[in-house]
Amino acid sequence: MQAVTVRDRDAGVGGLALTELPHPHAAENDVIVRVHAAGFTPGELTWPATWTDRAGRDRTPSVPGHELSGVVTGLGYGTTGLSVGQRVFGLADWARDGTLAEYTAVEARNLAPLPADVDHVTAAALPVSGLTAWQGLFDHGRLTTGQTVLVHGAAGGVGSVAVQLAREAGARVIGTGRAADRDLALDLGVTAFVDLQAERLEDIGEVDVVFDVIGGEILDRSTALVRPGGTLVTIARPVTVHPTDGRAVFFVVEPDRARLTDLAARLRDGRLRPVVGAVRPLAEAIAAFTPEKRTPGRTIIRVTED
């Protein structure tokens, strides 16, 4: 099968190659998925799990990408809840070969059934963004109706989903980003937008929840915006500057079949739409890690035609 692989940790994107690999083996409780569409995070080439397994052993050549939508083609011993021929979407394990391949092995519990009327490209844009947004807003941020949430990167993959989920929950949503992101963020449901390159972040005032995907100086400056009892949530890096009278949470998204099923239902009835910025074939996946121009939303790799 064809797959994107990486072997040289020091080479970065330059170490990616489109190669031929043996078909994956289904371990206990695994399924084999023929990947129709896949998502990736450019920064994952710096993650330790891209290079080693859970025991710390080198696992190169490894396949990047951890979001997928496809069809089950095989079952491992003891696998229950899914069947051969079933459409599924979800997350591949961080410390195993990922989804930028024609086939991949995934723990069955990390996948959810995909309704027949949801296309694979849209579904592949949802697992990381949808689960991260939900867990950040509600599990860690404890956002409730009537509160105000500040979403950094409101037009990005995670931020755009967070805006929609927060708005549906009855929260007031303030978004940030670049000037070119304003119209999309407003269309998604923010009540106010701050251009981080031209407007003062501090003019926002106090909020109940800050949801950060940017890190750096923006993360540190955002701590002053958290009102007493509020929460700063980030996926960028561990927090070093804390709110004076609030909580700070850094987290890594976790698989959740029940939540994926709920998110798929929201897709079907129009309450949620992932922002897909570009769709490229597997042969162009390496170039997609360093795009020539920035586009809002997720870049999705179409691995197999529907």
C-alpha atoms as a PDB file:
ATOM      1  CA  MET A   1       0.000   0.000   0.000  1.00  0.00           C
ATOM      2  CA  GLN A   2       1.035   3.637  -0.404  1.00  0.00           C
ATOM      3  CA  ALA A   3       1.737   5.725   2.684  1.00  0.00           C
ATOM      4  CA  VAL A   4       3.512   8.891   3.733  1.00  0.00           C
ATOM      5  CA  THR A   5       6.375   7.977   6.067  1.00  0.00           C
ATOM      6  CA  VAL A   6       9.001   9.800   8.080  1.00  0.00           C
ATOM      7  CA  ARG A   7      12.362   8.391   9.148  1.00  0.00           C
ATOM      8  CA  ASP A   8      14.678  11.268  10.078  1.00  0.00           C
ATOM      9  CA  ARG A   9      13.677  13.246  13.163  1.00  0.00           C
ATOM     10  CA  ASP A  10      16.132  16.051  12.407  1.00  0.00           C
ATOM     11  CA  ALA A  11      14.966  16.508   8.823  1.00  0.00           C
ATOM     12  CA  GLY A  12      11.476  17.755   9.705  1.00  0.00           C
ATOM     13  CA  VAL A  13       9.163  18.011   6.712  1.00  0.00           C
ATOM     14  CA  GLY A  14      12.153  17.246   4.496  1.00  0.00           C
ATOM     15  CA  GLY A  15      12.179  13.730   5.914  1.00  0.00           C
ATOM     16  CA  LEU A  16       8.703  12.891   4.637  1.00  0.00           C
ATOM     17  CA  ALA A  17       8.397  10.499   1.716  1.00  0.00           C
ATOM     18  CA  LEU A  18       5.645   8.692  -0.182  1.00  0.00           C
ATOM     19  CA  THR A  19       6.560   5.022   0.026  1.00  0.00           C
ATOM     20  CA  GLU A  20       5.226   1.484  -0.234  1.00  0.00           C
ATOM     21  CA  LEU A  21       4.506  -0.281   3.064  1.00  0.00           C
ATOM     22  CA  PRO A  22       3.108  -3.712   3.921  1.00  0.00           C
ATOM     23  CA  HIS A  23      -0.565  -3.792   4.823  1.00  0.00           C
ATOM     24  CA  PRO A  24      -1.085  -3.256   8.574  1.00  0.00           C
ATOM     25  CA  HIS A  25      -1.889  -6.090  10.948  1.00  0.00           C
ATOM     26  CA  ALA A  26      -4.958  -5.942  13.189  1.00  0.00           C
ATOM     27  CA  ALA A  27      -3.990  -6.538  16.809  1.00  0.00           C
ATOM     28  CA  GLU A  28      -6.498  -7.523  19.479  1.00  0.00           C
ATOM     29  CA  ASN A  29      -9.475  -5.130  19.541  1.00  0.00           C
ATOM     30  CA  ASP A  30      -8.254  -3.405  16.355  1.00  0.00           C
ATOM     31  CA  VAL A  31      -9.957  -2.809  13.057  1.00  0.00           C
ATOM     32  CA  ILE A  32      -8.301  -2.289   9.684  1.00  0.00           C
ATOM     33  CA  VAL A  33      -9.702   0.765   7.913  1.00  0.00           C
ATOM     34  CA  ARG A  34      -9.395   1.578   4.253  1.00  0.00           C
ATOM     35  CA  VAL A  35      -8.776   5.294   4.565  1.00  0.00           C
ATOM     36  CA  HIS A  36     -10.873   7.509   2.313  1.00  0.00           C
ATOM     37  CA  ALA A  37      -9.855  10.855   3.846  1.00  0.00           C
ATOM     38  CA  ALA A  38      -7.336  11.837   6.502  1.00  0.00           C
ATOM     39  CA  GLY A  39      -6.365  14.830   8.581  1.00  0.00           C
ATOM     40  CA  PHE A  40      -3.008  15.779  10.033  1.00  0.00           C
ATOM     41  CA  THR A  41      -1.370  18.395  12.256  1.00  0.00           C
ATOM     42  CA  PRO A  42       1.798  19.971  10.802  1.00  0.00           C
ATOM     43  CA  GLY A  43       3.387  20.160  14.245  1.00  0.00           C
ATOM     44  CA  GLU A  44       3.116  16.428  14.863  1.00  0.00           C
ATOM     45  CA  LEU A  45       6.580  15.870  13.414  1.00  0.00           C
ATOM     46  CA  THR A  46       7.895  17.365  16.675  1.00  0.00           C
ATOM     47  CA  TRP A  47       5.819  15.094  18.919  1.00  0.00           C
ATOM     48  CA  PRO A  48       7.763  12.320  20.718  1.00  0.00           C
ATOM     49  CA  ALA A  49       5.015   9.799  19.918  1.00  0.00           C
ATOM     50  CA  THR A  50       5.646  10.276  16.200  1.00  0.00           C
ATOM     51  CA  TRP A  51       9.054   8.663  16.673  1.00  0.00           C
ATOM     52  CA  THR A  52       8.691   6.163  19.512  1.00  0.00           C
ATOM     53  CA  ASP A  53       6.105   3.736  20.810  1.00  0.00           C
ATOM     54  CA  ARG A  54       4.616   3.858  24.305  1.00  0.00           C
ATOM     55  CA  ALA A  55       7.667   2.017  25.672  1.00  0.00           C
ATOM     56  CA  GLY A  56      10.022   4.619  24.218  1.00  0.00           C
ATOM     57  CA  ARG A  57      11.342   2.361  21.445  1.00  0.00           C
ATOM     58  CA  ASP A  58      12.071   3.753  17.991  1.00  0.00           C
ATOM     59  CA  ARG A  59       9.205   2.979  15.613  1.00  0.00           C
ATOM     60  CA  THR A  60      10.380   4.598  12.395  1.00  0.00           C
ATOM     61  CA  PRO A  61       9.526   4.600   9.575  1.00  0.00           C
ATOM     62  CA  SER A  62       6.298   5.943  11.017  1.00  0.00           C
ATOM     63  CA  VAL A  63       3.160   7.174   9.292  1.00  0.00           C
ATOM     64  CA  PRO A  64       1.889  10.610  10.411  1.00  0.00           C
ATOM     65  CA  GLY A  65      -1.728  11.786  10.477  1.00  0.00           C
ATOM     66  CA  HIS A  66      -4.252  10.829  13.147  1.00  0.00           C
ATOM     67  CA  GLU A  67      -7.714  11.682  11.826  1.00  0.00           C
ATOM     68  CA  LEU A  68      -9.510   9.449   9.383  1.00  0.00           C
ATOM     69  CA  SER A  69     -12.746   8.580   7.714  1.00  0.00           C
ATOM     70  CA  GLY A  70     -13.107   5.336   5.823  1.00  0.00           C
ATOM     71  CA  VAL A  71     -14.492   1.814   5.687  1.00  0.00           C
ATOM     72  CA  VAL A  72     -13.689  -1.163   7.916  1.00  0.00           C
ATOM     73  CA  THR A  73     -12.027  -3.982   5.947  1.00  0.00           C
ATOM     74  CA  GLY A  74     -10.840  -6.278   8.723  1.00  0.00           C
ATOM     75  CA  LEU A  75     -11.317  -7.079  12.413  1.00  0.00           C
ATOM     76  CA  GLY A  76      -8.759  -8.107  15.003  1.00  0.00           C
ATOM     77  CA  TYR A  77      -9.353 -10.793  17.605  1.00  0.00           C
ATOM     78  CA  GLY A  78     -11.947  -9.762  20.175  1.00  0.00           C
ATOM     79  CA  THR A  79     -13.121  -6.685  18.286  1.00  0.00           C
ATOM     80  CA  THR A  80     -16.757  -5.823  18.929  1.00  0.00           C
ATOM     81  CA  GLY A  81     -19.068  -2.952  18.076  1.00  0.00           C
ATOM     82  CA  LEU A  82     -17.975  -2.534  14.456  1.00  0.00           C
ATOM     83  CA  SER A  83     -18.276  -4.717  11.363  1.00  0.00           C
ATOM     84  CA  VAL A  84     -16.550  -5.223   8.013  1.00  0.00           C
ATOM     85  CA  GLY A  85     -17.948  -2.833   5.415  1.00  0.00           C
ATOM     86  CA  GLN A  86     -19.025  -0.245   7.987  1.00  0.00           C
ATOM     87  CA  ARG A  87     -18.280   3.449   7.428  1.00  0.00           C
ATOM     88  CA  VAL A  88     -16.368   4.910  10.383  1.00  0.00           C
ATOM     89  CA  PHE A  89     -14.406   7.973  11.444  1.00  0.00           C
ATOM     90  CA  GLY A  90     -12.224   8.842  14.403  1.00  0.00           C
ATOM     91  CA  LEU A  91      -8.706   9.064  15.811  1.00  0.00           C
ATOM     92  CA  ALA A  92      -5.667   6.858  15.352  1.00  0.00           C
ATOM     93  CA  ASP A  93      -3.465   6.337  18.383  1.00  0.00           C
ATOM     94  CA  TRP A  94      -0.708   8.951  18.803  1.00  0.00           C
ATOM     95  CA  ALA A  95       2.042   6.335  19.256  1.00  0.00           C
ATOM     96  CA  ARG A  96       1.118   4.098  16.306  1.00  0.00           C
ATOM     97  CA  ASP A  97       1.196   4.491  12.543  1.00  0.00           C
ATOM     98  CA  GLY A  98      -1.356   7.061  11.493  1.00  0.00           C
ATOM     99  CA  THR A  99      -3.760   7.830   8.702  1.00  0.00           C
ATOM    100  CA  LEU A 100      -1.763   9.185   5.755  1.00  0.00           C
ATOM    101  CA  ALA A 101      -1.912   5.732   4.228  1.00  0.00           C
ATOM    102  CA  GLU A 102      -4.300   3.665   2.156  1.00  0.00           C
ATOM    103  CA  TYR A 103      -4.949   1.366   5.128  1.00  0.00           C
ATOM    104  CA  THR A 104      -4.376   1.732   8.861  1.00  0.00           C
ATOM    105  CA  ALA A 105      -4.965  -0.265  12.052  1.00  0.00           C
ATOM    106  CA  VAL A 106      -6.970   1.528  14.742  1.00  0.00           C
ATOM    107  CA  GLU A 107      -8.371   0.528  18.103  1.00  0.00           C
ATOM    108  CA  ALA A 108     -12.094   0.004  17.576  1.00  0.00           C
ATOM    109  CA  ARG A 109     -12.964   2.115  20.629  1.00  0.00           C
ATOM    110  CA  ASN A 110     -11.371   5.159  18.936  1.00  0.00           C
ATOM    111  CA  LEU A 111     -13.839   5.041  16.044  1.00  0.00           C
ATOM    112  CA  ALA A 112     -17.511   5.874  15.665  1.00  0.00           C
ATOM    113  CA  PRO A 113     -20.002   4.885  12.959  1.00  0.00           C
ATOM    114  CA  LEU A 114     -20.286   7.443  10.161  1.00  0.00           C
ATOM    115  CA  PRO A 115     -23.780   8.126   8.793  1.00  0.00           C
ATOM    116  CA  ALA A 116     -24.201   7.376   5.098  1.00  0.00           C
ATOM    117  CA  ASP A 117     -25.094  10.985   4.275  1.00  0.00           C
ATOM    118  CA  VAL A 118     -21.887  12.497   5.724  1.00  0.00           C
ATOM    119  CA  ASP A 119     -19.031  12.575   3.228  1.00  0.00           C
ATOM    120  CA  HIS A 120     -15.584  11.313   4.181  1.00  0.00           C
ATOM    121  CA  VAL A 121     -13.772  14.623   3.673  1.00  0.00           C
ATOM    122  CA  THR A 122     -16.063  16.451   6.071  1.00  0.00           C
ATOM    123  CA  ALA A 123     -15.852  13.620   8.594  1.00  0.00           C
ATOM    124  CA  ALA A 124     -12.045  13.559   8.520  1.00  0.00           C
ATOM    125  CA  ALA A 125     -11.972  17.242   9.490  1.00  0.00           C
ATOM    126  CA  LEU A 126     -13.934  16.614  12.670  1.00  0.00           C
ATOM    127  CA  PRO A 127     -12.243  14.186  15.113  1.00  0.00           C
ATOM    128  CA  VAL A 128      -9.372  16.314  16.488  1.00  0.00           C
ATOM    129  CA  SER A 129     -11.120  19.653  16.033  1.00  0.00           C
ATOM    130  CA  GLY A 130     -14.481  18.475  17.363  1.00  0.00           C
ATOM    131  CA  LEU A 131     -13.210  16.536  20.356  1.00  0.00           C
ATOM    132  CA  THR A 132     -10.655  19.214  21.257  1.00  0.00           C
ATOM    133  CA  ALA A 133     -13.271  21.950  21.091  1.00  0.00           C
ATOM    134  CA  TRP A 134     -15.789  20.004  23.175  1.00  0.00           C
ATOM    135  CA  GLN A 135     -13.317  18.856  25.813  1.00  0.00           C
ATOM    136  CA  GLY A 136     -11.742  22.315  26.047  1.00  0.00           C
ATOM    137  CA  LEU A 137     -14.997  24.221  26.374  1.00  0.00           C
ATOM    138  CA  PHE A 138     -17.093  21.916  28.522  1.00  0.00           C
ATOM    139  CA  ASP A 139     -14.970  19.230  30.198  1.00  0.00           C
ATOM    140  CA  HIS A 140     -12.112  21.572  31.170  1.00  0.00           C
ATOM    141  CA  GLY A 141     -13.542  25.075  30.735  1.00  0.00           C
ATOM    142  CA  ARG A 142     -16.912  24.240  32.322  1.00  0.00           C
ATOM    143  CA  LEU A 143     -18.617  26.699  29.999  1.00  0.00           C
ATOM    144  CA  THR A 144     -22.338  27.217  30.682  1.00  0.00           C
ATOM    145  CA  THR A 145     -25.236  29.168  29.191  1.00  0.00           C
ATOM    146  CA  GLY A 146     -24.930  32.923  29.576  1.00  0.00           C
ATOM    147  CA  GLN A 147     -21.175  32.988  30.065  1.00  0.00           C
ATOM    148  CA  THR A 148     -18.658  34.690  27.782  1.00  0.00           C
ATOM    149  CA  VAL A 149     -15.872  32.731  26.083  1.00  0.00           C
ATOM    150  CA  LEU A 150     -12.881  34.083  24.193  1.00  0.00           C
ATOM    151  CA  VAL A 151     -11.809  31.736  21.378  1.00  0.00           C
ATOM    152  CA  HIS A 152      -8.371  32.372  19.931  1.00  0.00           C
ATOM    153  CA  GLY A 153      -7.943  31.301  16.314  1.00  0.00           C
ATOM    154  CA  ALA A 154     -11.684  31.439  15.731  1.00  0.00           C
ATOM    155  CA  ALA A 155     -11.431  30.661  12.009  1.00  0.00           C
ATOM    156  CA  GLY A 156      -9.035  27.723  12.417  1.00  0.00           C
ATOM    157  CA  GLY A 157      -9.848  24.034  12.569  1.00  0.00           C
ATOM    158  CA  VAL A 158     -10.361  23.811  16.345  1.00  0.00           C
ATOM    159  CA  GLY A 159     -11.454  27.395  16.890  1.00  0.00           C
ATOM    160  CA  SER A 160     -14.189  27.324  14.260  1.00  0.00           C
ATOM    161  CA  VAL A 161     -15.797  24.276  15.874  1.00  0.00           C
ATOM    162  CA  ALA A 162     -15.414  25.793  19.343  1.00  0.00           C
ATOM    163  CA  VAL A 163     -17.249  28.936  18.199  1.00  0.00           C
ATOM    164  CA  GLN A 164     -20.188  26.896  16.914  1.00  0.00           C
ATOM    165  CA  LEU A 165     -20.436  24.646  19.985  1.00  0.00           C
ATOM    166  CA  ALA A 166     -20.193  27.578  22.399  1.00  0.00           C
ATOM    167  CA  ARG A 167     -22.814  29.559  20.527  1.00  0.00           C
ATOM    168  CA  GLU A 168     -25.206  26.589  20.520  1.00  0.00           C
ATOM    169  CA  ALA A 169     -24.672  26.228  24.289  1.00  0.00           C
ATOM    170  CA  GLY A 170     -25.944  29.758  24.776  1.00  0.00           C
ATOM    171  CA  ALA A 171     -22.613  31.445  25.456  1.00  0.00           C
ATOM    172  CA  ARG A 172     -21.471  34.829  24.154  1.00  0.00           C
ATOM    173  CA  VAL A 173     -18.473  34.190  21.904  1.00  0.00           C
ATOM    174  CA  ILE A 174     -15.592  36.570  21.170  1.00  0.00           C
ATOM    175  CA  GLY A 175     -13.176  35.430  18.479  1.00  0.00           C
ATOM    176  CA  THR A 176      -9.647  36.420  17.567  1.00  0.00           C
ATOM    177  CA  GLY A 177      -7.428  35.920  14.552  1.00  0.00           C
ATOM    178  CA  ARG A 178      -6.135  37.864  11.579  1.00  0.00           C
ATOM    179  CA  ALA A 179      -8.052  40.513   9.683  1.00  0.00           C
ATOM    180  CA  ALA A 180      -8.766  38.043   6.861  1.00  0.00           C
ATOM    181  CA  ASP A 181     -10.518  35.744   9.368  1.00  0.00           C
ATOM    182  CA  ARG A 182     -13.099  38.297  10.520  1.00  0.00           C
ATOM    183  CA  ASP A 183     -15.913  37.544   8.050  1.00  0.00           C
ATOM    184  CA  LEU A 184     -15.690  33.786   8.555  1.00  0.00           C
ATOM    185  CA  ALA A 185     -15.640  34.128  12.348  1.00  0.00           C
ATOM    186  CA  LEU A 186     -18.688  36.394  12.273  1.00  0.00           C
ATOM    187  CA  ASP A 187     -20.474  33.961   9.975  1.00  0.00           C
ATOM    188  CA  LEU A 188     -19.739  31.119  12.407  1.00  0.00           C
ATOM    189  CA  GLY A 189     -21.353  33.026  15.260  1.00  0.00           C
ATOM    190  CA  VAL A 190     -18.926  35.266  17.160  1.00  0.00           C
ATOM    191  CA  THR A 191     -20.504  38.430  18.519  1.00  0.00           C
ATOM    192  CA  ALA A 192     -17.211  40.318  18.384  1.00  0.00           C
ATOM    193  CA  PHE A 193     -13.879  39.782  16.659  1.00  0.00           C
ATOM    194  CA  VAL A 194     -10.399  41.049  17.521  1.00  0.00           C
ATOM    195  CA  ASP A 195      -7.668  41.325  14.907  1.00  0.00           C
ATOM    196  CA  LEU A 196      -4.604  40.281  16.889  1.00  0.00           C
ATOM    197  CA  GLN A 197      -2.302  42.146  14.522  1.00  0.00           C
ATOM    198  CA  ALA A 198      -4.064  45.501  14.683  1.00  0.00           C
ATOM    199  CA  GLU A 199      -6.328  45.635  17.763  1.00  0.00           C
ATOM    200  CA  ARG A 200      -5.697  45.483  21.487  1.00  0.00           C
ATOM    201  CA  LEU A 201      -6.448  42.132  23.092  1.00  0.00           C
ATOM    202  CA  GLU A 202      -6.805  43.832  26.486  1.00  0.00           C
ATOM    203  CA  ASP A 203      -9.789  45.875  25.279  1.00  0.00           C
ATOM    204  CA  ILE A 204     -11.940  42.735  25.309  1.00  0.00           C
ATOM    205  CA  GLY A 205     -12.494  42.954  29.046  1.00  0.00           C
ATOM    206  CA  GLU A 206     -13.065  40.039  31.404  1.00  0.00           C
ATOM    207  CA  VAL A 207     -14.422  36.693  30.199  1.00  0.00           C
ATOM    208  CA  ASP A 208     -15.446  33.473  31.909  1.00  0.00           C
ATOM    209  CA  VAL A 209     -13.412  31.152  29.682  1.00  0.00           C
ATOM    210  CA  VAL A 210     -10.414  31.663  27.428  1.00  0.00           C
ATOM    211  CA  PHE A 211      -9.878  28.871  24.890  1.00  0.00           C
ATOM    212  CA  ASP A 212      -6.385  29.169  23.435  1.00  0.00           C
ATOM    213  CA  VAL A 213      -4.848  27.339  20.481  1.00  0.00           C
ATOM    214  CA  ILE A 214      -2.029  29.802  19.799  1.00  0.00           C
ATOM    215  CA  GLY A 215       0.249  29.826  22.847  1.00  0.00           C
ATOM    216  CA  GLY A 216       3.204  32.174  23.243  1.00  0.00           C
ATOM    217  CA  GLU A 217       2.622  35.806  24.155  1.00  0.00           C
ATOM    218  CA  ILE A 218      -1.098  35.601  23.351  1.00  0.00           C
ATOM    219  CA  LEU A 219      -1.554  32.843  25.921  1.00  0.00           C
ATOM    220  CA  ASP A 220       0.343  34.751  28.600  1.00  0.00           C
ATOM    221  CA  ARG A 221      -1.538  38.010  27.981  1.00  0.00           C
ATOM    222  CA  SER A 222      -4.880  36.200  28.047  1.00  0.00           C
ATOM    223  CA  THR A 223      -4.516  35.275  31.718  1.00  0.00           C
ATOM    224  CA  ALA A 224      -5.368  38.853  32.688  1.00  0.00           C
ATOM    225  CA  LEU A 225      -8.719  38.544  30.889  1.00  0.00           C
ATOM    226  CA  VAL A 226     -10.027  35.666  33.031  1.00  0.00           C
ATOM    227  CA  ARG A 227     -12.525  36.970  35.585  1.00  0.00           C
ATOM    228  CA  PRO A 228     -12.466  35.584  39.160  1.00  0.00           C
ATOM    229  CA  GLY A 229     -13.595  31.973  39.126  1.00  0.00           C
ATOM    230  CA  GLY A 230     -13.002  31.657  35.390  1.00  0.00           C
ATOM    231  CA  THR A 231     -10.790  29.287  33.417  1.00  0.00           C
ATOM    232  CA  LEU A 232      -7.981  29.554  30.911  1.00  0.00           C
ATOM    233  CA  VAL A 233      -7.790  26.453  28.689  1.00  0.00           C
ATOM    234  CA  THR A 234      -5.002  25.836  26.198  1.00  0.00           C
ATOM    235  CA  ILE A 235      -3.789  23.086  23.886  1.00  0.00           C
ATOM    236  CA  ALA A 236      -0.623  24.955  22.897  1.00  0.00           C
ATOM    237  CA  ARG A 237       1.711  24.317  25.851  1.00  0.00           C
ATOM    238  CA  PRO A 238       1.710  24.017  29.657  1.00  0.00           C
ATOM    239  CA  VAL A 239       0.660  27.272  31.302  1.00  0.00           C
ATOM    240  CA  THR A 240       3.422  29.328  32.948  1.00  0.00           C
ATOM    241  CA  VAL A 241       1.415  32.487  33.725  1.00  0.00           C
ATOM    242  CA  HIS A 242      -1.773  31.785  35.682  1.00  0.00           C
ATOM    243  CA  PRO A 243      -4.946  33.850  36.187  1.00  0.00           C
ATOM    244  CA  THR A 244      -4.926  35.726  39.485  1.00  0.00           C
ATOM    245  CA  ASP A 245      -8.140  34.167  40.766  1.00  0.00           C
ATOM    246  CA  GLY A 246      -8.980  31.435  38.291  1.00  0.00           C
ATOM    247  CA  ARG A 247      -7.985  28.070  36.877  1.00  0.00           C
ATOM    248  CA  ALA A 248      -5.532  27.221  34.093  1.00  0.00           C
ATOM    249  CA  VAL A 249      -5.697  23.943  32.187  1.00  0.00           C
ATOM    250  CA  PHE A 250      -3.407  22.495  29.513  1.00  0.00           C
ATOM    251  CA  PHE A 251      -4.729  19.305  27.928  1.00  0.00           C
ATOM    252  CA  VAL A 252      -4.269  16.861  25.062  1.00  0.00           C
ATOM    253  CA  VAL A 253      -7.384  15.641  23.284  1.00  0.00           C
ATOM    254  CA  GLU A 254      -8.601  12.119  24.078  1.00  0.00           C
ATOM    255  CA  PRO A 255     -10.619   9.720  21.896  1.00  0.00           C
ATOM    256  CA  ASP A 256     -14.319   9.485  22.751  1.00  0.00           C
ATOM    257  CA  ARG A 257     -16.651   7.328  20.629  1.00  0.00           C
ATOM    258  CA  ALA A 258     -19.841   8.632  22.262  1.00  0.00           C
ATOM    259  CA  ARG A 259     -18.872  12.246  21.671  1.00  0.00           C
ATOM    260  CA  LEU A 260     -17.881  11.527  18.060  1.00  0.00           C
ATOM    261  CA  THR A 261     -21.317  10.007  17.526  1.00  0.00           C
ATOM    262  CA  ASP A 262     -22.904  13.147  18.952  1.00  0.00           C
ATOM    263  CA  LEU A 263     -20.782  15.377  16.735  1.00  0.00           C
ATOM    264  CA  ALA A 264     -21.744  13.339  13.660  1.00  0.00           C
ATOM    265  CA  ALA A 265     -25.423  13.883  14.521  1.00  0.00           C
ATOM    266  CA  ARG A 266     -24.775  17.638  14.648  1.00  0.00           C
ATOM    267  CA  LEU A 267     -23.208  17.433  11.196  1.00  0.00           C
ATOM    268  CA  ARG A 268     -26.259  15.682   9.794  1.00  0.00           C
ATOM    269  CA  ASP A 269     -28.796  18.196  11.068  1.00  0.00           C
ATOM    270  CA  GLY A 270     -26.766  21.265  10.144  1.00  0.00           C
ATOM    271  CA  ARG A 271     -25.855  22.444  13.637  1.00  0.00           C
ATOM    272  CA  LEU A 272     -22.136  22.027  12.973  1.00  0.00           C
ATOM    273  CA  ARG A 273     -19.879  22.475   9.965  1.00  0.00           C
ATOM    274  CA  PRO A 274     -16.134  21.914  10.058  1.00  0.00           C
ATOM    275  CA  VAL A 275     -14.182  24.430   8.022  1.00  0.00           C
ATOM    276  CA  VAL A 276     -12.228  22.602   5.312  1.00  0.00           C
ATOM    277  CA  GLY A 277      -9.628  24.865   3.792  1.00  0.00           C
ATOM    278  CA  ALA A 278      -8.150  22.591   1.133  1.00  0.00           C
ATOM    279  CA  VAL A 279      -8.475  19.012  -0.123  1.00  0.00           C
ATOM    280  CA  ARG A 280      -5.408  17.368  -1.666  1.00  0.00           C
ATOM    281  CA  PRO A 281      -4.608  13.816  -2.868  1.00  0.00           C
ATOM    282  CA  LEU A 282      -2.219  11.536  -1.005  1.00  0.00           C
ATOM    283  CA  ALA A 283       0.476  12.264  -3.589  1.00  0.00           C
ATOM    284  CA  GLU A 284       0.409  15.920  -2.455  1.00  0.00           C
ATOM    285  CA  ALA A 285       0.283  15.241   1.278  1.00  0.00           C
ATOM    286  CA  ILE A 286       3.931  16.131   1.831  1.00  0.00           C
ATOM    287  CA  ALA A 287       3.497  19.528   0.163  1.00  0.00           C
ATOM    288  CA  ALA A 288       0.419  20.099   2.344  1.00  0.00           C
ATOM    289  CA  PHE A 289       2.625  20.161   5.467  1.00  0.00           C
ATOM    290  CA  THR A 290       4.170  23.428   4.177  1.00  0.00           C
ATOM    291  CA  PRO A 291       1.456  25.140   2.109  1.00  0.00           C
ATOM    292  CA  GLU A 292       2.376  28.020  -0.179  1.00  0.00           C
ATOM    293  CA  LYS A 293      -0.426  30.147   1.230  1.00  0.00           C
ATOM    294  CA  ARG A 294      -2.451  30.157   4.418  1.00  0.00           C
ATOM    295  CA  THR A 295      -6.107  29.083   4.229  1.00  0.00           C
ATOM    296  CA  PRO A 296      -8.647  29.050   7.069  1.00  0.00           C
ATOM    297  CA  GLY A 297      -9.762  25.659   8.362  1.00  0.00           C
ATOM    298  CA  ARG A 298      -8.318  22.197   7.959  1.00  0.00           C
ATOM    299  CA  THR A 299      -6.376  20.716   5.074  1.00  0.00           C
ATOM    300  CA  ILE A 300      -7.725  17.241   4.347  1.00  0.00           C
ATOM    301  CA  ILE A 301      -5.989  14.517   2.347  1.00  0.00           C
ATOM    302  CA  ARG A 302      -8.261  12.495   0.063  1.00  0.00           C
ATOM    303  CA  VAL A 303      -6.635   9.067   0.125  1.00  0.00           C
ATOM    304  CA  THR A 304      -9.260   6.972  -1.668  1.00  0.00           C
ATOM    305  CA  GLU A 305     -12.075   8.111  -3.924  1.00  0.00           C
ATOM    306  CA  ASP A 306     -15.506   7.438  -2.425  1.00  0.00           C
END
